[in-house]
Amino acid sequence: MRRRGLEVKKKILQILKENGEMSLGELERKTNTNNLTILNHIKELEFFEKVEIIKHKRSDKTGRPYTSIRLKIQDKHE
């Protein structure tokens, strides 16, 4: 059964709230959604200033570059 985009975005936000910063691969596995779909939803959430996309030069585990996502801290005075 295909999930709607809003359901996937809610799941992404919930996972980030519970786990903090995560790589795209981790989000892909936890949401059971493919990488391209996750990336599209993340870009939309970034546009609405809900998340930050962080590009790392190298992983401590693999030595390869990777991208992680974290919730954006909202200023309470906005």
C-alpha atoms as a PDB file:
ATOM      1  CA  MET A   1       0.000   0.000   0.000  1.00  0.00           C
ATOM      2  CA  ARG A   2       1.340   3.401  -0.956  1.00  0.00           C
ATOM      3  CA  ARG A   3       1.676   6.004   1.808  1.00  0.00           C
ATOM      4  CA  ARG A   4       0.817   9.642   1.333  1.00  0.00           C
ATOM      5  CA  GLY A   5       3.560  12.277   1.454  1.00  0.00           C
ATOM      6  CA  LEU A   6       2.222  13.852   4.634  1.00  0.00           C
ATOM      7  CA  GLU A   7       2.443  10.508   6.444  1.00  0.00           C
ATOM      8  CA  VAL A   8       6.080  10.089   5.389  1.00  0.00           C
ATOM      9  CA  LYS A   9       6.982  13.647   6.471  1.00  0.00           C
ATOM     10  CA  LYS A  10       5.323  13.125   9.874  1.00  0.00           C
ATOM     11  CA  LYS A  11       7.263   9.866  10.300  1.00  0.00           C
ATOM     12  CA  ILE A  12      10.555  11.602   9.395  1.00  0.00           C
ATOM     13  CA  LEU A  13       9.920  14.386  11.934  1.00  0.00           C
ATOM     14  CA  GLN A  14       8.903  11.879  14.626  1.00  0.00           C
ATOM     15  CA  ILE A  15      12.038   9.775  14.073  1.00  0.00           C
ATOM     16  CA  LEU A  16      14.310  12.845  14.175  1.00  0.00           C
ATOM     17  CA  LYS A  17      12.610  14.056  17.369  1.00  0.00           C
ATOM     18  CA  GLU A  18      13.196  10.676  19.031  1.00  0.00           C
ATOM     19  CA  ASN A  19      16.717  10.002  17.721  1.00  0.00           C
ATOM     20  CA  GLY A  20      18.328  13.359  16.975  1.00  0.00           C
ATOM     21  CA  GLU A  21      20.599  13.775  13.947  1.00  0.00           C
ATOM     22  CA  MET A  22      20.509  10.869  11.500  1.00  0.00           C
ATOM     23  CA  SER A  23      22.006   9.999   8.126  1.00  0.00           C
ATOM     24  CA  LEU A  24      19.815   9.692   5.040  1.00  0.00           C
ATOM     25  CA  GLY A  25      20.473   5.941   5.036  1.00  0.00           C
ATOM     26  CA  GLU A  26      19.279   5.565   8.623  1.00  0.00           C
ATOM     27  CA  LEU A  27      16.108   7.528   7.843  1.00  0.00           C
ATOM     28  CA  GLU A  28      15.573   5.394   4.765  1.00  0.00           C
ATOM     29  CA  ARG A  29      15.695   2.210   6.847  1.00  0.00           C
ATOM     30  CA  LYS A  30      13.597   3.541   9.749  1.00  0.00           C
ATOM     31  CA  THR A  31      10.827   4.866   7.476  1.00  0.00           C
ATOM     32  CA  ASN A  32      10.980   1.901   5.064  1.00  0.00           C
ATOM     33  CA  THR A  33      11.139   4.413   2.188  1.00  0.00           C
ATOM     34  CA  ASN A  34      13.625   4.654  -0.668  1.00  0.00           C
ATOM     35  CA  ASN A  35      16.474   7.175  -0.723  1.00  0.00           C
ATOM     36  CA  LEU A  36      15.071   9.419  -3.475  1.00  0.00           C
ATOM     37  CA  THR A  37      11.677   9.703  -1.739  1.00  0.00           C
ATOM     38  CA  ILE A  38      13.338  10.530   1.594  1.00  0.00           C
ATOM     39  CA  LEU A  39      15.523  13.159  -0.070  1.00  0.00           C
ATOM     40  CA  ASN A  40      12.519  14.813  -1.748  1.00  0.00           C
ATOM     41  CA  HIS A  41      10.599  14.980   1.546  1.00  0.00           C
ATOM     42  CA  ILE A  42      13.681  16.269   3.381  1.00  0.00           C
ATOM     43  CA  LYS A  43      14.149  19.060   0.818  1.00  0.00           C
ATOM     44  CA  GLU A  44      10.532  20.112   1.315  1.00  0.00           C
ATOM     45  CA  LEU A  45      10.912  20.043   5.112  1.00  0.00           C
ATOM     46  CA  GLU A  46      14.093  22.122   4.742  1.00  0.00           C
ATOM     47  CA  PHE A  47      12.197  24.682   2.632  1.00  0.00           C
ATOM     48  CA  PHE A  48       9.671  25.072   5.458  1.00  0.00           C
ATOM     49  CA  GLU A  49      12.574  25.359   7.941  1.00  0.00           C
ATOM     50  CA  LYS A  50      11.706  22.198   9.875  1.00  0.00           C
ATOM     51  CA  VAL A  51      15.024  20.395   9.303  1.00  0.00           C
ATOM     52  CA  GLU A  52      18.658  21.139   8.489  1.00  0.00           C
ATOM     53  CA  ILE A  53      20.644  19.192   5.901  1.00  0.00           C
ATOM     54  CA  ILE A  54      24.282  18.749   6.930  1.00  0.00           C
ATOM     55  CA  LYS A  55      26.901  17.561   4.437  1.00  0.00           C
ATOM     56  CA  HIS A  56      29.869  15.821   6.099  1.00  0.00           C
ATOM     57  CA  LYS A  57      33.244  15.451   4.386  1.00  0.00           C
ATOM     58  CA  ARG A  58      33.887  11.968   5.743  1.00  0.00           C
ATOM     59  CA  SER A  59      32.377   9.328   7.986  1.00  0.00           C
ATOM     60  CA  ASP A  60      34.387   8.036  10.947  1.00  0.00           C
ATOM     61  CA  LYS A  61      33.234   4.512  10.041  1.00  0.00           C
ATOM     62  CA  THR A  62      33.743   4.427   6.279  1.00  0.00           C
ATOM     63  CA  GLY A  63      35.814   7.512   5.466  1.00  0.00           C
ATOM     64  CA  ARG A  64      33.272   8.474   2.807  1.00  0.00           C
ATOM     65  CA  PRO A  65      31.234  11.695   2.584  1.00  0.00           C
ATOM     66  CA  TYR A  66      27.640  11.502   3.820  1.00  0.00           C
ATOM     67  CA  THR A  67      24.610  13.661   4.518  1.00  0.00           C
ATOM     68  CA  SER A  68      22.760  13.845   7.814  1.00  0.00           C
ATOM     69  CA  ILE A  69      19.522  15.495   8.827  1.00  0.00           C
ATOM     70  CA  ARG A  70      18.476  17.094  12.106  1.00  0.00           C
ATOM     71  CA  LEU A  71      15.506  19.047  13.350  1.00  0.00           C
ATOM     72  CA  LYS A  72      15.966  22.779  13.064  1.00  0.00           C
ATOM     73  CA  ILE A  73      15.835  24.601  16.382  1.00  0.00           C
ATOM     74  CA  GLN A  74      12.906  26.972  16.267  1.00  0.00           C
ATOM     75  CA  ASP A  75      13.246  30.418  17.854  1.00  0.00           C
ATOM     76  CA  LYS A  76      10.298  30.862  20.207  1.00  0.00           C
ATOM     77  CA  HIS A  77      10.188  34.620  19.427  1.00  0.00           C
ATOM     78  CA  GLU A  78       9.506  34.207  15.698  1.00  0.00           C
END
